[in-house]
Amino acid sequence: MHDSEPDTIPLKTKPEEFCEFLEKIGIKAEAKEIATDEVEKADYYSGYFTKTPIMVTNKGCVELKNGNIDLVQIIQKG
């Protein structure tokens, strides 16, 4: 490493990464803690219409400010 580079790398969750990306394009957003919203407690996909097994990981939610969309849930399937 060069002297100008920091020695530590700050760890960020997926919602925090998305909030930073949205801020760069002018959208105000706030990362929420995982499993604190009602949206995260329901099933994500139905197992009746798919041939792949249902394996979904909740990555958290992002609350959007000043827009038509209130909340975005980040999930990972696979």
N, C-alpha and C. Protein backbone atom coordinates (compact mmCIF):
# COMPACT_ATOMS: atom_id res chain seq x y z
N MET A 1 0.83 -1.18 0.00
CA MET A 1 0.00 0.00 0.00
C MET A 1 0.87 1.25 0.00
N HIS A 2 0.34 2.27 -0.61
CA HIS A 2 1.03 3.53 -0.62
C HIS A 2 0.72 4.30 0.67
N ASP A 3 1.55 5.27 0.97
CA ASP A 3 1.36 6.04 2.19
C ASP A 3 0.07 6.85 2.20
N SER A 4 -0.44 7.20 1.03
CA SER A 4 -1.65 8.01 0.98
C SER A 4 -2.93 7.19 1.13
N GLU A 5 -2.84 5.86 1.07
CA GLU A 5 -4.02 5.00 1.18
C GLU A 5 -4.30 4.67 2.64
N PRO A 6 -5.59 4.60 3.01
CA PRO A 6 -5.91 4.25 4.40
C PRO A 6 -5.60 2.78 4.67
N ASP A 7 -5.30 2.47 5.94
CA ASP A 7 -4.96 1.10 6.31
C ASP A 7 -6.20 0.23 6.53
N THR A 8 -7.33 0.84 6.81
CA THR A 8 -8.54 0.08 7.05
C THR A 8 -9.57 0.34 5.96
N ILE A 9 -10.41 -0.65 5.75
CA ILE A 9 -11.48 -0.54 4.78
C ILE A 9 -12.80 -0.51 5.56
N PRO A 10 -13.60 0.53 5.42
CA PRO A 10 -14.87 0.57 6.16
C PRO A 10 -15.85 -0.46 5.60
N LEU A 11 -16.42 -1.28 6.47
CA LEU A 11 -17.41 -2.27 6.06
C LEU A 11 -18.77 -1.61 5.96
N LYS A 12 -19.48 -1.88 4.85
CA LYS A 12 -20.79 -1.30 4.62
C LYS A 12 -21.77 -2.41 4.26
N THR A 13 -22.99 -2.24 4.69
CA THR A 13 -24.05 -3.17 4.32
C THR A 13 -24.56 -2.81 2.93
N LYS A 14 -25.32 -3.71 2.32
CA LYS A 14 -25.89 -3.43 1.00
C LYS A 14 -26.79 -2.20 1.01
N PRO A 15 -27.67 -2.04 2.02
CA PRO A 15 -28.47 -0.81 2.04
C PRO A 15 -27.63 0.46 2.12
N GLU A 16 -26.53 0.44 2.87
CA GLU A 16 -25.66 1.61 2.94
C GLU A 16 -25.00 1.89 1.60
N GLU A 17 -24.61 0.83 0.89
CA GLU A 17 -24.01 1.01 -0.44
C GLU A 17 -25.02 1.62 -1.41
N PHE A 18 -26.27 1.12 -1.37
CA PHE A 18 -27.31 1.66 -2.25
C PHE A 18 -27.61 3.11 -1.91
N CYS A 19 -27.63 3.46 -0.63
CA CYS A 19 -27.88 4.85 -0.23
C CYS A 19 -26.81 5.78 -0.77
N GLU A 20 -25.56 5.36 -0.72
CA GLU A 20 -24.48 6.18 -1.27
C GLU A 20 -24.62 6.35 -2.78
N PHE A 21 -24.99 5.27 -3.46
CA PHE A 21 -25.20 5.35 -4.91
C PHE A 21 -26.35 6.29 -5.24
N LEU A 22 -27.45 6.16 -4.52
CA LEU A 22 -28.61 7.02 -4.76
C LEU A 22 -28.29 8.49 -4.46
N GLU A 23 -27.48 8.74 -3.45
CA GLU A 23 -27.09 10.11 -3.12
C GLU A 23 -26.30 10.75 -4.25
N LYS A 24 -25.49 9.95 -4.93
CA LYS A 24 -24.69 10.47 -6.05
C LYS A 24 -25.56 10.92 -7.21
N ILE A 25 -26.74 10.31 -7.36
CA ILE A 25 -27.62 10.69 -8.47
C ILE A 25 -28.76 11.61 -8.00
N GLY A 26 -28.65 12.11 -6.75
CA GLY A 26 -29.57 13.13 -6.28
C GLY A 26 -30.82 12.63 -5.58
N ILE A 27 -30.84 11.38 -5.13
CA ILE A 27 -32.00 10.83 -4.42
C ILE A 27 -31.63 10.65 -2.96
N LYS A 28 -32.44 11.22 -2.08
CA LYS A 28 -32.19 11.08 -0.65
C LYS A 28 -32.77 9.76 -0.17
N ALA A 29 -31.95 8.99 0.55
CA ALA A 29 -32.37 7.68 1.05
C ALA A 29 -31.72 7.40 2.39
N GLU A 30 -32.34 6.51 3.14
CA GLU A 30 -31.84 6.14 4.46
C GLU A 30 -31.85 4.61 4.59
N ALA A 31 -30.75 4.04 5.01
CA ALA A 31 -30.65 2.59 5.21
C ALA A 31 -31.34 2.22 6.52
N LYS A 32 -32.14 1.15 6.49
CA LYS A 32 -32.82 0.67 7.69
C LYS A 32 -32.12 -0.60 8.17
N GLU A 33 -32.27 -0.89 9.45
CA GLU A 33 -31.70 -2.11 10.01
C GLU A 33 -32.43 -3.33 9.43
N ILE A 34 -31.70 -4.42 9.30
CA ILE A 34 -32.28 -5.66 8.77
C ILE A 34 -33.33 -6.19 9.74
N ALA A 35 -34.45 -6.65 9.19
CA ALA A 35 -35.56 -7.29 9.90
C ALA A 35 -36.29 -6.34 10.86
N THR A 36 -36.33 -5.05 10.55
CA THR A 36 -37.07 -4.11 11.39
C THR A 36 -38.35 -3.62 10.74
N ASP A 37 -38.62 -4.00 9.50
CA ASP A 37 -39.80 -3.53 8.79
C ASP A 37 -40.76 -4.70 8.56
N GLU A 38 -42.06 -4.38 8.46
CA GLU A 38 -43.09 -5.40 8.23
C GLU A 38 -42.92 -6.10 6.88
N VAL A 39 -42.40 -5.40 5.90
CA VAL A 39 -42.22 -5.96 4.56
C VAL A 39 -41.29 -7.18 4.61
N GLU A 40 -40.32 -7.16 5.48
CA GLU A 40 -39.31 -8.22 5.53
C GLU A 40 -39.82 -9.50 6.20
N LYS A 41 -40.99 -9.46 6.80
CA LYS A 41 -41.49 -10.63 7.52
C LYS A 41 -42.34 -11.56 6.66
N ALA A 42 -42.72 -11.15 5.47
CA ALA A 42 -43.55 -11.96 4.57
C ALA A 42 -42.67 -12.81 3.65
N ASP A 43 -43.30 -13.80 2.99
CA ASP A 43 -42.58 -14.62 2.02
C ASP A 43 -42.27 -13.79 0.78
N TYR A 44 -41.14 -14.11 0.14
CA TYR A 44 -40.70 -13.35 -1.02
C TYR A 44 -41.25 -13.91 -2.33
N TYR A 45 -41.21 -15.23 -2.48
CA TYR A 45 -41.63 -15.88 -3.70
C TYR A 45 -42.56 -17.04 -3.38
N SER A 46 -43.39 -17.39 -4.33
CA SER A 46 -44.24 -18.57 -4.20
C SER A 46 -43.48 -19.79 -4.70
N GLY A 47 -43.62 -20.91 -4.03
CA GLY A 47 -42.95 -22.13 -4.45
C GLY A 47 -43.76 -22.96 -5.42
N TYR A 48 -44.95 -22.50 -5.79
CA TYR A 48 -45.83 -23.28 -6.65
C TYR A 48 -45.52 -23.14 -8.13
N PHE A 49 -44.95 -22.02 -8.55
CA PHE A 49 -44.79 -21.75 -9.97
C PHE A 49 -43.36 -21.72 -10.45
N THR A 50 -42.45 -22.21 -9.68
CA THR A 50 -41.05 -22.18 -10.08
C THR A 50 -40.44 -23.57 -9.98
N LYS A 51 -39.46 -23.83 -10.80
CA LYS A 51 -38.78 -25.13 -10.78
C LYS A 51 -37.50 -25.08 -9.95
N THR A 52 -37.09 -23.90 -9.55
CA THR A 52 -35.88 -23.76 -8.75
C THR A 52 -36.25 -23.72 -7.27
N PRO A 53 -35.38 -24.19 -6.40
CA PRO A 53 -35.69 -24.13 -4.97
C PRO A 53 -35.72 -22.68 -4.47
N ILE A 54 -36.55 -22.46 -3.47
CA ILE A 54 -36.68 -21.11 -2.91
C ILE A 54 -35.60 -20.91 -1.86
N MET A 55 -34.61 -20.14 -2.20
CA MET A 55 -33.53 -19.78 -1.27
C MET A 55 -33.33 -18.28 -1.40
N VAL A 56 -33.85 -17.53 -0.46
CA VAL A 56 -33.81 -16.08 -0.53
C VAL A 56 -33.16 -15.53 0.73
N THR A 57 -32.28 -14.56 0.56
CA THR A 57 -31.62 -13.92 1.68
C THR A 57 -32.04 -12.45 1.73
N ASN A 58 -32.51 -12.02 2.87
CA ASN A 58 -32.89 -10.62 3.07
C ASN A 58 -31.63 -9.80 3.32
N LYS A 59 -31.41 -8.78 2.52
CA LYS A 59 -30.24 -7.91 2.67
C LYS A 59 -30.58 -6.57 3.32
N GLY A 60 -31.88 -6.31 3.59
CA GLY A 60 -32.27 -5.08 4.25
C GLY A 60 -33.17 -4.21 3.39
N CYS A 61 -33.49 -3.03 3.90
CA CYS A 61 -34.37 -2.09 3.22
C CYS A 61 -33.73 -0.71 3.14
N VAL A 62 -34.17 0.02 2.12
CA VAL A 62 -33.76 1.41 1.94
C VAL A 62 -35.03 2.24 1.89
N GLU A 63 -35.12 3.25 2.75
CA GLU A 63 -36.27 4.14 2.77
C GLU A 63 -35.95 5.37 1.94
N LEU A 64 -36.75 5.60 0.90
CA LEU A 64 -36.54 6.73 0.01
C LEU A 64 -37.31 7.95 0.49
N LYS A 65 -36.73 9.11 0.33
CA LYS A 65 -37.34 10.37 0.77
C LYS A 65 -37.79 11.18 -0.44
N ASN A 66 -38.88 11.93 -0.29
CA ASN A 66 -39.37 12.87 -1.30
C ASN A 66 -39.63 12.23 -2.66
N GLY A 67 -40.34 11.12 -2.68
CA GLY A 67 -40.66 10.48 -3.95
C GLY A 67 -41.92 9.66 -3.86
N ASN A 68 -42.26 9.00 -4.96
CA ASN A 68 -43.45 8.17 -5.00
C ASN A 68 -43.22 6.80 -4.36
N ILE A 69 -41.99 6.36 -4.26
CA ILE A 69 -41.66 5.06 -3.68
C ILE A 69 -41.18 5.30 -2.25
N ASP A 70 -41.78 4.59 -1.30
CA ASP A 70 -41.43 4.77 0.10
C ASP A 70 -40.28 3.88 0.55
N LEU A 71 -40.30 2.62 0.11
CA LEU A 71 -39.37 1.63 0.65
C LEU A 71 -38.96 0.66 -0.45
N VAL A 72 -37.68 0.29 -0.46
CA VAL A 72 -37.16 -0.70 -1.40
C VAL A 72 -36.50 -1.79 -0.56
N GLN A 73 -36.93 -3.05 -0.78
CA GLN A 73 -36.32 -4.17 -0.07
C GLN A 73 -35.28 -4.81 -0.97
N ILE A 74 -34.13 -5.11 -0.40
CA ILE A 74 -33.02 -5.72 -1.14
C ILE A 74 -32.97 -7.19 -0.75
N ILE A 75 -33.16 -8.07 -1.74
CA ILE A 75 -33.11 -9.50 -1.49
C ILE A 75 -32.14 -10.15 -2.47
N GLN A 76 -31.65 -11.31 -2.09
CA GLN A 76 -30.73 -12.08 -2.94
C GLN A 76 -31.33 -13.46 -3.11
N LYS A 77 -31.52 -13.88 -4.32
CA LYS A 77 -32.08 -15.20 -4.60
C LYS A 77 -31.00 -16.06 -5.20
N GLY A 78 -30.95 -17.30 -4.75
CA GLY A 78 -29.99 -18.21 -5.35
C GLY A 78 -29.25 -18.96 -4.41
